[in-house]
Structure formats: structure tokens, C-alpha cells
Amino acid sequence: MFKKLTLPLTVIFLSGCVHTTPMPVQISQPGDNLMSCESVIFEMEKMQNLVKQKDSELNGQIAKNSALGVTGVFLLIPLFFIDTSDAKTVEGKAAKDRYEKLQQIYRDKSCAEKEKK
């Protein structure tokens, strides 16, 4: 009896660990208005890279979930490991919103005009 319950209980326990908690970047951060034009540009590049990374991670999550779903048709256990969270989407959107905020700071500080001089 104990052996029959061990595998199902282990699977249920492990499936609770699959959900990913989003860790989005703050759109407005302390010190944004004190940033120089160079630091705004650097931060914008950083956000562009973060958006690309999160998009790549989202594609990987979709591929993994698809493979687990197909395998789950034949075996029940892989279905417990599908990550149904939208953490990558939330993090990617936050990075895009941060980038837009930095663009606004860039325009407000007239950084484009300062670069021409």
C-alpha cells in the first residue's frame, strides 16, 4: 500500500514547485530623473537585452510545455510539470514598459540634441 502511494504523492509534491513567480523590473526607479544621457542610453540598451532574453525564455517555456503536453497524452506524469505561469510575459512587458519610460526621460532631457553638439 505504501509503495503504491509513494509515486503519486511524490509527483503531486513536485508539481507544486513548477509555477514560476514573476520578478518584473520596476518601470520607474529612484534616481531616474538624476540620470545622465549616457546612463539613460546604457539603461535602454540593458532593457532591450532583457526584452530579448525574456522573449527567448518564453519561447523555450512554450516549447517545453508543448513537449510535456504531447508526452502527457501517453503518460500522465509529464502533465504535472507544465509551467502554466505567465512570468516570462509579465517580466518581458515590464522591461518594455521600462524601456518606454527611459525613452521619455531621453526626450525630456533633450539627449538627442546634446549628442549632435
Foldseek 3Di string as FASTA:
>chain_A
DVVVVPVVVVLLVVLVVQADDADADALDDPCLLVDDLVVLVVLLVVLVVLLVVLVVVVVVLVVQLVVLVVVCVVPVSSNSNRHPYPRSVRNNVRSVSSSVSSVVSNVVVVVVVVVVD
